[in-house]
PDB file of N, CA and C in Angstrom:
ATOM      1  N   MET A   1       0.806  -1.174   0.025  1.00  0.00           N
ATOM      2  CA  MET A   1      -0.003  -0.003   0.003  1.00  0.00           C
ATOM      3  C   MET A   1       0.862   1.262  -0.006  1.00  0.00           C
ATOM      4  N   ILE A   2       1.929   1.249   0.821  1.00  0.00           N
ATOM      5  CA  ILE A   2       2.806   2.418   0.889  1.00  0.00           C
ATOM      6  C   ILE A   2       3.457   2.662  -0.466  1.00  0.00           C
ATOM      7  N   ASN A   3       3.875   1.574  -1.114  1.00  0.00           N
ATOM      8  CA  ASN A   3       4.516   1.695  -2.437  1.00  0.00           C
ATOM      9  C   ASN A   3       3.567   2.348  -3.453  1.00  0.00           C
ATOM     10  N   ASP A   4       2.266   2.033  -3.358  1.00  0.00           N
ATOM     11  CA  ASP A   4       1.302   2.630  -4.282  1.00  0.00           C
ATOM     12  C   ASP A   4       1.228   4.125  -4.059  1.00  0.00           C
ATOM     13  N   TYR A   5       1.176   4.546  -2.798  1.00  0.00           N
ATOM     14  CA  TYR A   5       1.143   5.966  -2.498  1.00  0.00           C
ATOM     15  C   TYR A   5       2.424   6.658  -2.961  1.00  0.00           C
ATOM     16  N   VAL A   6       3.572   6.002  -2.761  1.00  0.00           N
ATOM     17  CA  VAL A   6       4.845   6.595  -3.175  1.00  0.00           C
ATOM     18  C   VAL A   6       4.891   6.751  -4.683  1.00  0.00           C
ATOM     19  N   THR A   7       4.497   5.720  -5.394  1.00  0.00           N
ATOM     20  CA  THR A   7       4.502   5.786  -6.872  1.00  0.00           C
ATOM     21  C   THR A   7       3.573   6.865  -7.396  1.00  0.00           C
ATOM     22  N   ALA A   8       2.377   6.934  -6.844  1.00  0.00           N
ATOM     23  CA  ALA A   8       1.416   7.952  -7.286  1.00  0.00           C
ATOM     24  C   ALA A   8       1.931   9.356  -6.981  1.00  0.00           C
ATOM     25  N   THR A   9       2.487   9.530  -5.801  1.00  0.00           N
ATOM     26  CA  THR A   9       3.021  10.850  -5.406  1.00  0.00           C
ATOM     27  C   THR A   9       4.200  11.210  -6.277  1.00  0.00           C
ATOM     28  N   TYR A  10       5.084  10.278  -6.534  1.00  0.00           N
ATOM     29  CA  TYR A  10       6.244  10.512  -7.364  1.00  0.00           C
ATOM     30  C   TYR A  10       5.845  10.957  -8.747  1.00  0.00           C
ATOM     31  N   GLU A  11       4.917  10.275  -9.343  1.00  0.00           N
ATOM     32  CA  GLU A  11       4.437  10.624 -10.691  1.00  0.00           C
ATOM     33  C   GLU A  11       3.750  11.980 -10.692  1.00  0.00           C
ATOM     34  N   ALA A  12       2.984  12.283  -9.633  1.00  0.00           N
ATOM     35  CA  ALA A  12       2.290  13.561  -9.552  1.00  0.00           C
ATOM     36  C   ALA A  12       3.296  14.715  -9.439  1.00  0.00           C
ATOM     37  N   LEU A  13       4.377  14.461  -8.736  1.00  0.00           N
ATOM     38  CA  LEU A  13       5.416  15.498  -8.546  1.00  0.00           C
ATOM     39  C   LEU A  13       6.101  15.885  -9.852  1.00  0.00           C
ATOM     40  N   LYS A  14       6.057  14.995 -10.835  1.00  0.00           N
ATOM     41  CA  LYS A  14       6.655  15.308 -12.126  1.00  0.00           C
ATOM     42  C   LYS A  14       5.808  16.341 -12.895  1.00  0.00           C
ATOM     43  N   GLU A  15       4.538  16.437 -12.528  1.00  0.00           N
ATOM     44  CA  GLU A  15       3.628  17.281 -13.300  1.00  0.00           C
ATOM     45  C   GLU A  15       3.112  18.496 -12.550  1.00  0.00           C
ATOM     46  N   ARG A  16       3.149  18.458 -11.224  1.00  0.00           N
ATOM     47  CA  ARG A  16       2.526  19.520 -10.441  1.00  0.00           C
ATOM     48  C   ARG A  16       3.465  20.033  -9.361  1.00  0.00           C
ATOM     49  N   GLU A  17       3.090  21.141  -8.751  1.00  0.00           N
ATOM     50  CA  GLU A  17       3.862  21.754  -7.676  1.00  0.00           C
ATOM     51  C   GLU A  17       3.865  20.852  -6.443  1.00  0.00           C
ATOM     52  N   PRO A  18       5.041  20.729  -5.775  1.00  0.00           N
ATOM     53  CA  PRO A  18       5.146  19.872  -4.592  1.00  0.00           C
ATOM     54  C   PRO A  18       4.126  20.202  -3.489  1.00  0.00           C
ATOM     55  N   ASP A  19       3.927  21.466  -3.204  1.00  0.00           N
ATOM     56  CA  ASP A  19       2.950  21.842  -2.137  1.00  0.00           C
ATOM     57  C   ASP A  19       1.566  21.289  -2.441  1.00  0.00           C
ATOM     58  N   ALA A  20       1.138  21.417  -3.684  1.00  0.00           N
ATOM     59  CA  ALA A  20      -0.201  20.935  -4.068  1.00  0.00           C
ATOM     60  C   ALA A  20      -0.287  19.420  -3.977  1.00  0.00           C
ATOM     61  N   VAL A  21       0.768  18.741  -4.448  1.00  0.00           N
ATOM     62  CA  VAL A  21       0.787  17.286  -4.397  1.00  0.00           C
ATOM     63  C   VAL A  21       0.755  16.769  -2.961  1.00  0.00           C
ATOM     64  N   LEU A  22       1.554  17.360  -2.097  1.00  0.00           N
ATOM     65  CA  LEU A  22       1.595  16.915  -0.696  1.00  0.00           C
ATOM     66  C   LEU A  22       0.298  17.220   0.043  1.00  0.00           C
ATOM     67  N   PHE A  23      -0.310  18.337  -0.284  1.00  0.00           N
ATOM     68  CA  PHE A  23      -1.605  18.682   0.301  1.00  0.00           C
ATOM     69  C   PHE A  23      -2.666  17.647  -0.116  1.00  0.00           C
ATOM     70  N   GLU A  24      -2.650  17.321  -1.400  1.00  0.00           N
ATOM     71  CA  GLU A  24      -3.597  16.300  -1.907  1.00  0.00           C
ATOM     72  C   GLU A  24      -3.328  14.950  -1.285  1.00  0.00           C
ATOM     73  N   LEU A  25      -2.062  14.599  -1.095  1.00  0.00           N
ATOM     74  CA  LEU A  25      -1.711  13.318  -0.463  1.00  0.00           C
ATOM     75  C   LEU A  25      -2.266  13.261   0.951  1.00  0.00           C
ATOM     76  N   ARG A  26      -2.072  14.349   1.706  1.00  0.00           N
ATOM     77  CA  ARG A  26      -2.595  14.376   3.077  1.00  0.00           C
ATOM     78  C   ARG A  26      -4.102  14.265   3.097  1.00  0.00           C
ATOM     79  N   SER A  27      -4.766  14.891   2.128  1.00  0.00           N
ATOM     80  CA  SER A  27      -6.226  14.829   2.070  1.00  0.00           C
ATOM     81  C   SER A  27      -6.694  13.375   1.756  1.00  0.00           C
ATOM     82  N   VAL A  28      -6.008  12.747   0.812  1.00  0.00           N
ATOM     83  CA  VAL A  28      -6.401  11.369   0.499  1.00  0.00           C
ATOM     84  C   VAL A  28      -6.156  10.445   1.676  1.00  0.00           C
ATOM     85  N   LEU A  29      -5.029  10.625   2.345  1.00  0.00           N
ATOM     86  CA  LEU A  29      -4.719   9.779   3.518  1.00  0.00           C
ATOM     87  C   LEU A  29      -5.750  10.003   4.605  1.00  0.00           C
ATOM     88  N   ALA A  30      -6.146  11.243   4.827  1.00  0.00           N
ATOM     89  CA  ALA A  30      -7.136  11.539   5.881  1.00  0.00           C
ATOM     90  C   ALA A  30      -8.487  10.903   5.499  1.00  0.00           C
ATOM     91  N   ALA A  31      -8.869  10.991   4.240  1.00  0.00           N
ATOM     92  CA  ALA A  31     -10.160  10.443   3.788  1.00  0.00           C
ATOM     93  C   ALA A  31     -10.173   8.917   3.928  1.00  0.00           C
ATOM     94  N   ARG A  32      -9.018   8.282   3.821  1.00  0.00           N
ATOM     95  CA  ARG A  32      -8.954   6.819   3.912  1.00  0.00           C
ATOM     96  C   ARG A  32      -8.509   6.350   5.296  1.00  0.00           C
ATOM     97  N   ASN A  33      -8.364   7.324   6.197  1.00  0.00           N
ATOM     98  CA  ASN A  33      -7.925   7.014   7.559  1.00  0.00           C
ATOM     99  C   ASN A  33      -6.541   6.357   7.596  1.00  0.00           C
ATOM    100  N   HIS A  34      -5.664   6.889   6.746  1.00  0.00           N
ATOM    101  CA  HIS A  34      -4.283   6.373   6.635  1.00  0.00           C
ATOM    102  C   HIS A  34      -3.241   7.435   7.007  1.00  0.00           C
ATOM    103  N   THR A  35      -3.625   8.409   7.782  1.00  0.00           N
ATOM    104  CA  THR A  35      -2.716   9.531   8.084  1.00  0.00           C
ATOM    105  C   THR A  35      -1.433   9.060   8.774  1.00  0.00           C
ATOM    106  N   SER A  36      -1.487   7.958   9.486  1.00  0.00           N
ATOM    107  CA  SER A  36      -0.295   7.473  10.175  1.00  0.00           C
ATOM    108  C   SER A  36       0.775   6.998   9.172  1.00  0.00           C
ATOM    109  N   LEU A  37       0.412   6.787   7.908  1.00  0.00           N
ATOM    110  CA  LEU A  37       1.388   6.365   6.889  1.00  0.00           C
ATOM    111  C   LEU A  37       2.165   7.503   6.312  1.00  0.00           C
ATOM    112  N   TYR A  38       1.741   8.752   6.551  1.00  0.00           N
ATOM    113  CA  TYR A  38       2.354   9.904   5.953  1.00  0.00           C
ATOM    114  C   TYR A  38       3.888   9.986   6.107  1.00  0.00           C
ATOM    115  N   PRO A  39       4.422   9.824   7.351  1.00  0.00           N
ATOM    116  CA  PRO A  39       5.885   9.872   7.477  1.00  0.00           C
ATOM    117  C   PRO A  39       6.616   8.755   6.730  1.00  0.00           C
ATOM    118  N   GLN A  40       6.027   7.537   6.728  1.00  0.00           N
ATOM    119  CA  GLN A  40       6.647   6.466   6.009  1.00  0.00           C
ATOM    120  C   GLN A  40       6.655   6.692   4.495  1.00  0.00           C
ATOM    121  N   ILE A  41       5.567   7.269   4.004  1.00  0.00           N
ATOM    122  CA  ILE A  41       5.460   7.580   2.586  1.00  0.00           C
ATOM    123  C   ILE A  41       6.487   8.620   2.200  1.00  0.00           C
ATOM    124  N   LEU A  42       6.637   9.654   3.007  1.00  0.00           N
ATOM    125  CA  LEU A  42       7.612  10.722   2.708  1.00  0.00           C
ATOM    126  C   LEU A  42       9.050  10.165   2.730  1.00  0.00           C
ATOM    127  N   ARG A  43       9.334   9.294   3.694  1.00  0.00           N
ATOM    128  CA  ARG A  43      10.673   8.698   3.766  1.00  0.00           C
ATOM    129  C   ARG A  43      10.943   7.866   2.503  1.00  0.00           C
ATOM    130  N   ALA A  44       9.982   7.018   2.131  1.00  0.00           N
ATOM    131  CA  ALA A  44      10.155   6.188   0.951  1.00  0.00           C
ATOM    132  C   ALA A  44      10.253   7.029  -0.326  1.00  0.00           C
ATOM    133  N   LEU A  45       9.497   8.118  -0.355  1.00  0.00           N
ATOM    134  CA  LEU A  45       9.540   9.022  -1.513  1.00  0.00           C
ATOM    135  C   LEU A  45      10.893   9.686  -1.637  1.00  0.00           C
ATOM    136  N   LEU A  46      11.435  10.151  -0.528  1.00  0.00           N
ATOM    137  CA  LEU A  46      12.754  10.776  -0.519  1.00  0.00           C
ATOM    138  C   LEU A  46      13.807   9.747  -0.946  1.00  0.00           C
ATOM    139  N   GLU A  47      13.711   8.524  -0.450  1.00  0.00           N
ATOM    140  CA  GLU A  47      14.652   7.471  -0.849  1.00  0.00           C
ATOM    141  C   GLU A  47      14.607   7.232  -2.337  1.00  0.00           C
ATOM    142  N   ARG A  48      13.401   7.166  -2.887  1.00  0.00           N
ATOM    143  CA  ARG A  48      13.258   6.914  -4.339  1.00  0.00           C
ATOM    144  C   ARG A  48      13.840   8.075  -5.150  1.00  0.00           C
ATOM    145  N   MET A  49      13.589   9.302  -4.700  1.00  0.00           N
ATOM    146  CA  MET A  49      14.123  10.464  -5.414  1.00  0.00           C
ATOM    147  C   MET A  49      15.660  10.494  -5.363  1.00  0.00           C
ATOM    148  N   GLU A  50      16.234  10.112  -4.208  1.00  0.00           N
ATOM    149  CA  GLU A  50      17.682  10.051  -4.097  1.00  0.00           C
ATOM    150  C   GLU A  50      18.256   8.981  -5.016  1.00  0.00           C
ATOM    151  N   GLN A  51      17.584   7.845  -5.080  1.00  0.00           N
ATOM    152  CA  GLN A  51      18.055   6.760  -5.974  1.00  0.00           C
ATOM    153  C   GLN A  51      17.990   7.220  -7.430  1.00  0.00           C
ATOM    154  N   GLU A  52      16.939   7.906  -7.796  1.00  0.00           N
ATOM    155  CA  GLU A  52      16.821   8.408  -9.176  1.00  0.00           C
ATOM    156  C   GLU A  52      17.935   9.387  -9.495  1.00  0.00           C
ATOM    157  N   ALA A  53      18.211  10.265  -8.544  1.00  0.00           N
ATOM    158  CA  ALA A  53      19.263  11.268  -8.768  1.00  0.00           C
ATOM    159  C   ALA A  53      20.614  10.597  -8.879  1.00  0.00           C
ATOM    160  N   GLU A  54      20.851   9.583  -8.088  1.00  0.00           N
ATOM    161  CA  GLU A  54      22.127   8.865  -8.100  1.00  0.00           C
ATOM    162  C   GLU A  54      22.320   8.080  -9.364  1.00  0.00           C
ATOM    163  N   SER A  55      21.209   7.488  -9.871  1.00  0.00           N
ATOM    164  CA  SER A  55      21.317   6.685 -11.083  1.00  0.00           C
ATOM    165  C   SER A  55      21.536   7.542 -12.306  1.00  0.00           C
ATOM    166  N   ALA A  56      21.242   8.838 -12.211  1.00  0.00           N
ATOM    167  CA  ALA A  56      21.457   9.752 -13.333  1.00  0.00           C
ATOM    168  C   ALA A  56      22.904  10.230 -13.372  1.00  0.00           C
ATOM    169  N   ARG A  57      23.690   9.810 -12.410  1.00  0.00           N
ATOM    170  CA  ARG A  57      25.087  10.249 -12.334  1.00  0.00           C
ATOM    171  C   ARG A  57      25.991   9.104 -12.809  1.00  0.00           C
ATOM    172  N   PRO A  58      26.955   9.411 -13.670  1.00  0.00           N
ATOM    173  CA  PRO A  58      27.857   8.340 -14.147  1.00  0.00           C
ATOM    174  C   PRO A  58      28.752   7.833 -13.020  1.00  0.00           C
ATOM    175  N   VAL A  59      29.190   6.580 -13.160  1.00  0.00           N
ATOM    176  CA  VAL A  59      30.072   5.964 -12.165  1.00  0.00           C
ATOM    177  C   VAL A  59      31.328   5.492 -12.910  1.00  0.00           C
ATOM    178  N   VAL A  60      32.485   5.878 -12.378  1.00  0.00           N
ATOM    179  CA  VAL A  60      33.768   5.453 -12.950  1.00  0.00           C
ATOM    180  C   VAL A  60      34.459   4.626 -11.857  1.00  0.00           C
ATOM    181  N   THR A  61      34.705   3.353 -12.183  1.00  0.00           N
ATOM    182  CA  THR A  61      35.401   2.443 -11.251  1.00  0.00           C
ATOM    183  C   THR A  61      36.817   2.267 -11.764  1.00  0.00           C
ATOM    184  N   VAL A  62      37.791   2.551 -10.910  1.00  0.00           N
ATOM    185  CA  VAL A  62      39.213   2.514 -11.289  1.00  0.00           C
ATOM    186  C   VAL A  62      39.994   1.844 -10.178  1.00  0.00           C
ATOM    187  N   ALA A  63      41.225   1.426 -10.566  1.00  0.00           N
ATOM    188  CA  ALA A  63      42.108   0.760  -9.565  1.00  0.00           C
ATOM    189  C   ALA A  63      42.738   1.794  -8.621  1.00  0.00           C
ATOM    190  N   THR A  64      43.091   2.958  -9.156  1.00  0.00           N
ATOM    191  CA  THR A  64      43.692   3.989  -8.338  1.00  0.00           C
ATOM    192  C   THR A  64      43.053   5.347  -8.702  1.00  0.00           C
ATOM    193  N   GLU A  65      43.180   6.299  -7.828  1.00  0.00           N
ATOM    194  CA  GLU A  65      42.623   7.628  -8.060  1.00  0.00           C
ATOM    195  C   GLU A  65      43.199   8.253  -9.337  1.00  0.00           C
ATOM    196  N   ALA A  66      44.451   7.998  -9.605  1.00  0.00           N
ATOM    197  CA  ALA A  66      45.101   8.584 -10.772  1.00  0.00           C
ATOM    198  C   ALA A  66      44.454   8.085 -12.068  1.00  0.00           C
ATOM    199  N   ASP A  67      43.994   6.836 -12.083  1.00  0.00           N
ATOM    200  CA  ASP A  67      43.361   6.283 -13.285  1.00  0.00           C
ATOM    201  C   ASP A  67      42.075   7.030 -13.639  1.00  0.00           C
ATOM    202  N   ALA A  68      41.443   7.650 -12.677  1.00  0.00           N
ATOM    203  CA  ALA A  68      40.195   8.347 -12.933  1.00  0.00           C
ATOM    204  C   ALA A  68      40.387   9.576 -13.820  1.00  0.00           C
ATOM    205  N   HIS A  69      41.598  10.084 -13.898  1.00  0.00           N
ATOM    206  CA  HIS A  69      41.890  11.291 -14.669  1.00  0.00           C
ATOM    207  C   HIS A  69      42.484  10.984 -16.046  1.00  0.00           C
ATOM    208  N   ASP A  70      42.468   9.722 -16.422  1.00  0.00           N
ATOM    209  CA  ASP A  70      42.996   9.289 -17.712  1.00  0.00           C
ATOM    210  C   ASP A  70      42.076   9.846 -18.814  1.00  0.00           C
ATOM    211  N   PRO A  71      42.680  10.342 -19.892  1.00  0.00           N
ATOM    212  CA  PRO A  71      41.862  10.864 -21.021  1.00  0.00           C
ATOM    213  C   PRO A  71      40.924   9.795 -21.597  1.00  0.00           C
ATOM    214  N   ALA A  72      41.293   8.571 -21.510  1.00  0.00           N
ATOM    215  CA  ALA A  72      40.422   7.492 -22.032  1.00  0.00           C
ATOM    216  C   ALA A  72      39.118   7.418 -21.228  1.00  0.00           C
ATOM    217  N   VAL A  73      39.197   7.726 -19.943  1.00  0.00           N
ATOM    218  CA  VAL A  73      37.976   7.724 -19.095  1.00  0.00           C
ATOM    219  C   VAL A  73      37.074   8.844 -19.563  1.00  0.00           C
ATOM    220  N   ARG A  74      37.620  10.013 -19.819  1.00  0.00           N
ATOM    221  CA  ARG A  74      36.835  11.145 -20.320  1.00  0.00           C
ATOM    222  C   ARG A  74      36.200  10.802 -21.663  1.00  0.00           C
ATOM    223  N   ALA A  75      36.952  10.113 -22.516  1.00  0.00           N
ATOM    224  CA  ALA A  75      36.427   9.709 -23.812  1.00  0.00           C
ATOM    225  C   ALA A  75      35.259   8.724 -23.645  1.00  0.00           C
ATOM    226  N   ASP A  76      35.417   7.773 -22.719  1.00  0.00           N
ATOM    227  CA  ASP A  76      34.342   6.802 -22.469  1.00  0.00           C
ATOM    228  C   ASP A  76      33.097   7.522 -21.923  1.00  0.00           C
ATOM    229  N   LEU A  77      33.296   8.489 -21.052  1.00  0.00           N
ATOM    230  CA  LEU A  77      32.137   9.257 -20.522  1.00  0.00           C
ATOM    231  C   LEU A  77      31.438  10.003 -21.666  1.00  0.00           C
ATOM    232  N   ALA A  78      32.218  10.564 -22.569  1.00  0.00           N
ATOM    233  CA  ALA A  78      31.641  11.288 -23.712  1.00  0.00           C
ATOM    234  C   ALA A  78      30.887  10.301 -24.636  1.00  0.00           C
ATOM    235  N   THR A  79      31.445   9.103 -24.834  1.00  0.00           N
ATOM    236  CA  THR A  79      30.798   8.088 -25.649  1.00  0.00           C
ATOM    237  C   THR A  79      29.435   7.719 -25.085  1.00  0.00           C
ATOM    238  N   LEU A  80      29.344   7.649 -23.776  1.00  0.00           N
ATOM    239  CA  LEU A  80      28.072   7.291 -23.132  1.00  0.00           C
ATOM    240  C   LEU A  80      27.146   8.507 -22.988  1.00  0.00           C
ATOM    241  N   GLY A  81      27.628   9.689 -23.331  1.00  0.00           N
ATOM    242  CA  GLY A  81      26.783  10.879 -23.260  1.00  0.00           C
ATOM    243  C   GLY A  81      26.640  11.433 -21.870  1.00  0.00           C
ATOM    244  N   ALA A  82      27.583  11.164 -20.993  1.00  0.00           N
ATOM    245  CA  ALA A  82      27.511  11.598 -19.606  1.00  0.00           C
ATOM    246  C   ALA A  82      28.119  13.005 -19.479  1.00  0.00           C
ATOM    247  N   ALA A  83      27.304  13.957 -19.036  1.00  0.00           N
ATOM    248  CA  ALA A  83      27.779  15.339 -18.872  1.00  0.00           C
ATOM    249  C   ALA A  83      28.088  15.663 -17.418  1.00  0.00           C
ATOM    250  N   ALA A  84      27.429  14.971 -16.494  1.00  0.00           N
ATOM    251  CA  ALA A  84      27.611  15.245 -15.062  1.00  0.00           C
ATOM    252  C   ALA A  84      28.958  14.708 -14.581  1.00  0.00           C
ATOM    253  N   ASP A  85      29.424  15.272 -13.478  1.00  0.00           N
ATOM    254  CA  ASP A  85      30.649  14.769 -12.854  1.00  0.00           C
ATOM    255  C   ASP A  85      30.411  13.331 -12.355  1.00  0.00           C
ATOM    256  N   PRO A  86      31.329  12.439 -12.663  1.00  0.00           N
ATOM    257  CA  PRO A  86      31.115  11.055 -12.269  1.00  0.00           C
ATOM    258  C   PRO A  86      31.433  10.824 -10.774  1.00  0.00           C
ATOM    259  N   ARG A  87      30.823   9.804 -10.251  1.00  0.00           N
ATOM    260  CA  ARG A  87      31.176   9.289  -8.932  1.00  0.00           C
ATOM    261  C   ARG A  87      32.324   8.315  -9.151  1.00  0.00           C
ATOM    262  N   ILE A  88      33.411   8.530  -8.413  1.00  0.00           N
ATOM    263  CA  ILE A  88      34.618   7.687  -8.541  1.00  0.00           C
ATOM    264  C   ILE A  88      34.589   6.594  -7.500  1.00  0.00           C
ATOM    265  N   VAL A  89      34.752   5.360  -7.953  1.00  0.00           N
ATOM    266  CA  VAL A  89      34.793   4.197  -7.049  1.00  0.00           C
ATOM    267  C   VAL A  89      36.166   3.538  -7.242  1.00  0.00           C
ATOM    268  N   ILE A  90      36.873   3.304  -6.169  1.00  0.00           N
ATOM    269  CA  ILE A  90      38.193   2.651  -6.230  1.00  0.00           C
ATOM    270  C   ILE A  90      38.051   1.179  -6.011  1.00  0.00           C
ATOM    271  N   ASP A  91      38.536   0.367  -6.947  1.00  0.00           N
ATOM    272  CA  ASP A  91      38.514  -1.093  -6.871  1.00  0.00           C
ATOM    273  C   ASP A  91      39.897  -1.608  -7.274  1.00  0.00           C
ATOM    274  N   PRO A  92      40.771  -1.888  -6.332  1.00  0.00           N
ATOM    275  CA  PRO A  92      42.114  -2.300  -6.673  1.00  0.00           C
ATOM    276  C   PRO A  92      42.195  -3.607  -7.479  1.00  0.00           C
ATOM    277  N   THR A  93      41.131  -4.408  -7.474  1.00  0.00           N
ATOM    278  CA  THR A  93      41.169  -5.657  -8.227  1.00  0.00           C
ATOM    279  C   THR A  93      41.108  -5.432  -9.725  1.00  0.00           C
ATOM    280  N   LEU A  94      40.823  -4.204 -10.160  1.00  0.00           N
ATOM    281  CA  LEU A  94      40.823  -3.915 -11.608  1.00  0.00           C
ATOM    282  C   LEU A  94      42.220  -3.874 -12.197  1.00  0.00           C
ATOM    283  N   ILE A  95      43.215  -3.672 -11.360  1.00  0.00           N
ATOM    284  CA  ILE A  95      44.630  -3.631 -11.732  1.00  0.00           C
ATOM    285  C   ILE A  95      44.949  -2.321 -12.488  1.00  0.00           C
ATOM    286  N   GLY A  96      44.180  -1.975 -13.488  1.00  0.00           N
ATOM    287  CA  GLY A  96      44.381  -0.772 -14.264  1.00  0.00           C
ATOM    288  C   GLY A  96      43.201  -0.574 -15.183  1.00  0.00           C
ATOM    289  N   GLY A  97      43.162   0.519 -15.926  1.00  0.00           N
ATOM    290  CA  GLY A  97      42.027   0.792 -16.802  1.00  0.00           C
ATOM    291  C   GLY A  97      40.846   1.278 -15.993  1.00  0.00           C
ATOM    292  N   ALA A  98      39.659   1.168 -16.569  1.00  0.00           N
ATOM    293  CA  ALA A  98      38.460   1.685 -15.882  1.00  0.00           C
ATOM    294  C   ALA A  98      37.228   0.973 -16.367  1.00  0.00           C
ATOM    295  N   VAL A  99      36.168   1.059 -15.525  1.00  0.00           N
ATOM    296  CA  VAL A  99      34.842   0.630 -15.886  1.00  0.00           C
ATOM    297  C   VAL A  99      33.961   1.846 -15.760  1.00  0.00           C
ATOM    298  N   VAL A 100      33.400   2.273 -16.876  1.00  0.00           N
ATOM    299  CA  VAL A 100      32.540   3.493 -16.876  1.00  0.00           C
ATOM    300  C   VAL A 100      31.109   3.057 -17.121  1.00  0.00           C
ATOM    301  N   SER A 101      30.220   3.466 -16.200  1.00  0.00           N
ATOM    302  CA  SER A 101      28.798   3.102 -16.300  1.00  0.00           C
ATOM    303  C   SER A 101      27.941   4.355 -16.258  1.00  0.00           C
ATOM    304  N   TYR A 102      26.936   4.363 -17.132  1.00  0.00           N
ATOM    305  CA  TYR A 102      25.981   5.480 -17.170  1.00  0.00           C
ATOM    306  C   TYR A 102      24.717   4.998 -17.845  1.00  0.00           C
ATOM    307  N   GLN A 103      23.596   5.236 -17.200  1.00  0.00           N
ATOM    308  CA  GLN A 103      22.269   4.898 -17.732  1.00  0.00           C
ATOM    309  C   GLN A 103      22.212   3.482 -18.283  1.00  0.00           C
ATOM    310  N   ASN A 104      22.559   2.523 -17.477  1.00  0.00           N
ATOM    311  CA  ASN A 104      22.472   1.104 -17.798  1.00  0.00           C
ATOM    312  C   ASN A 104      23.383   0.681 -18.960  1.00  0.00           C
ATOM    313  N   ARG A 105      24.389   1.447 -19.235  1.00  0.00           N
ATOM    314  CA  ARG A 105      25.383   1.074 -20.246  1.00  0.00           C
ATOM    315  C   ARG A 105      26.739   1.117 -19.575  1.00  0.00           C
ATOM    316  N   THR A 106      27.610   0.194 -20.011  1.00  0.00           N
ATOM    317  CA  THR A 106      28.930   0.099 -19.399  1.00  0.00           C
ATOM    318  C   THR A 106      30.005  -0.095 -20.447  1.00  0.00           C
ATOM    319  N   ILE A 107      31.113   0.590 -20.261  1.00  0.00           N
ATOM    320  CA  ILE A 107      32.314   0.384 -21.076  1.00  0.00           C
ATOM    321  C   ILE A 107      33.410  -0.099 -20.122  1.00  0.00           C
ATOM    322  N   ASP A 108      33.843  -1.315 -20.322  1.00  0.00           N
ATOM    323  CA  ASP A 108      34.843  -1.929 -19.432  1.00  0.00           C
ATOM    324  C   ASP A 108      36.164  -2.036 -20.153  1.00  0.00           C
ATOM    325  N   THR A 109      37.111  -1.166 -19.794  1.00  0.00           N
ATOM    326  CA  THR A 109      38.468  -1.205 -20.386  1.00  0.00           C
ATOM    327  C   THR A 109      39.490  -1.552 -19.306  1.00  0.00           C
ATOM    328  N   SER A 110      39.012  -2.267 -18.281  1.00  0.00           N
ATOM    329  CA  SER A 110      39.927  -2.622 -17.199  1.00  0.00           C
ATOM    330  C   SER A 110      40.851  -3.740 -17.599  1.00  0.00           C
ATOM    331  N   TYR A 111      41.997  -3.800 -16.949  1.00  0.00           N
ATOM    332  CA  TYR A 111      42.955  -4.880 -17.185  1.00  0.00           C
ATOM    333  C   TYR A 111      42.363  -6.183 -16.699  1.00  0.00           C
ATOM    334  N   LYS A 112      41.578  -6.107 -15.673  1.00  0.00           N
ATOM    335  CA  LYS A 112      40.925  -7.298 -15.131  1.00  0.00           C
ATOM    336  C   LYS A 112      40.049  -7.984 -16.192  1.00  0.00           C
ATOM    337  N   ALA A 113      39.244  -7.176 -16.885  1.00  0.00           N
ATOM    338  CA  ALA A 113      38.378  -7.729 -17.949  1.00  0.00           C
ATOM    339  C   ALA A 113      39.219  -8.298 -19.088  1.00  0.00           C
ATOM    340  N   ALA A 114      40.298  -7.575 -19.443  1.00  0.00           N
ATOM    341  CA  ALA A 114      41.153  -8.076 -20.526  1.00  0.00           C
ATOM    342  C   ALA A 114      41.815  -9.386 -20.147  1.00  0.00           C
ATOM    343  N   LEU A 115      42.273  -9.502 -18.914  1.00  0.00           N
ATOM    344  CA  LEU A 115      42.905 -10.740 -18.461  1.00  0.00           C
ATOM    345  C   LEU A 115      41.891 -11.885 -18.409  1.00  0.00           C
ATOM    346  N   LYS A 116      40.677 -11.584 -17.995  1.00  0.00           N
ATOM    347  CA  LYS A 116      39.628 -12.630 -17.961  1.00  0.00           C
ATOM    348  C   LYS A 116      39.331 -13.120 -19.381  1.00  0.00           C
ATOM    349  N   LYS A 117      39.317 -12.184 -20.314  1.00  0.00           N
ATOM    350  CA  LYS A 117      39.032 -12.559 -21.711  1.00  0.00           C
ATOM    351  C   LYS A 117      40.140 -13.471 -22.265  1.00  0.00           C
ATOM    352  N   ILE A 118      41.372 -13.124 -21.947  1.00  0.00           N
ATOM    353  CA  ILE A 118      42.507 -13.943 -22.428  1.00  0.00           C
ATOM    354  C   ILE A 118      42.410 -15.316 -21.762  1.00  0.00           C
ATOM    355  N   TYR A 119      42.125 -15.362 -20.470  1.00  0.00           N
ATOM    356  CA  TYR A 119      42.023 -16.626 -19.744  1.00  0.00           C
ATOM    357  C   TYR A 119      40.905 -17.499 -20.377  1.00  0.00           C
ATOM    358  N   GLN A 120      39.726 -16.914 -20.628  1.00  0.00           N
ATOM    359  CA  GLN A 120      38.625 -17.654 -21.197  1.00  0.00           C
ATOM    360  C   GLN A 120      38.985 -18.191 -22.584  1.00  0.00           C
ATOM    361  N   THR A 121      39.732 -17.399 -23.340  1.00  0.00           N
ATOM    362  CA  THR A 121      40.147 -17.831 -24.687  1.00  0.00           C
ATOM    363  C   THR A 121      41.087 -19.021 -24.588  1.00  0.00           C
ATOM    364  N   LEU A 122      42.003 -18.967 -23.628  1.00  0.00           N
ATOM    365  CA  LEU A 122      42.986 -20.040 -23.455  1.00  0.00           C
ATOM    366  C   LEU A 122      42.351 -21.341 -23.009  1.00  0.00           C
ATOM    367  N   ILE A 123      41.401 -21.279 -22.103  1.00  0.00           N
ATOM    368  CA  ILE A 123      40.826 -22.508 -21.569  1.00  0.00           C
ATOM    369  C   ILE A 123      39.783 -23.129 -22.505  1.00  0.00           C
ATOM    370  N   THR A 124      39.287 -22.362 -23.456  1.00  0.00           N
ATOM    371  CA  THR A 124      38.292 -22.937 -24.390  1.00  0.00           C
ATOM    372  C   THR A 124      38.928 -23.504 -25.626  1.00  0.00           C
ATOM    373  N   GLN A 125      40.228 -23.345 -25.795  1.00  0.00           N
ATOM    374  CA  GLN A 125      40.894 -23.896 -26.990  1.00  0.00           C
ATOM    375  C   GLN A 125      41.468 -25.223 -26.727  1.00  0.00           C
TER     376      GLN A 125
END
């Protein structure tokens, strides 16, 4: 039930002013005797909005901080159409290179992926 309220409120916020949407939400909750759900709905709504905002931001996973500034990473971001500043994630198991993700697309130029590919090629022959 809470998820239904969150989804409806989220969609309404895309089209109307927040004050009007929240006023209407409170009215609907009061009419259905669900006013106690209001804080839970707002928390879940905030969580969903934060997730949406975070998913709109590109993620660059690199072995070291220095790898994040490689021109190839910038080129990969441009290829994916990412204009926002990326979130940098450090993963030493990548060895080198980078994994750039944006809007459900990924470019993996890490040494780890290259080594896995070589390994898979060797064991299948």
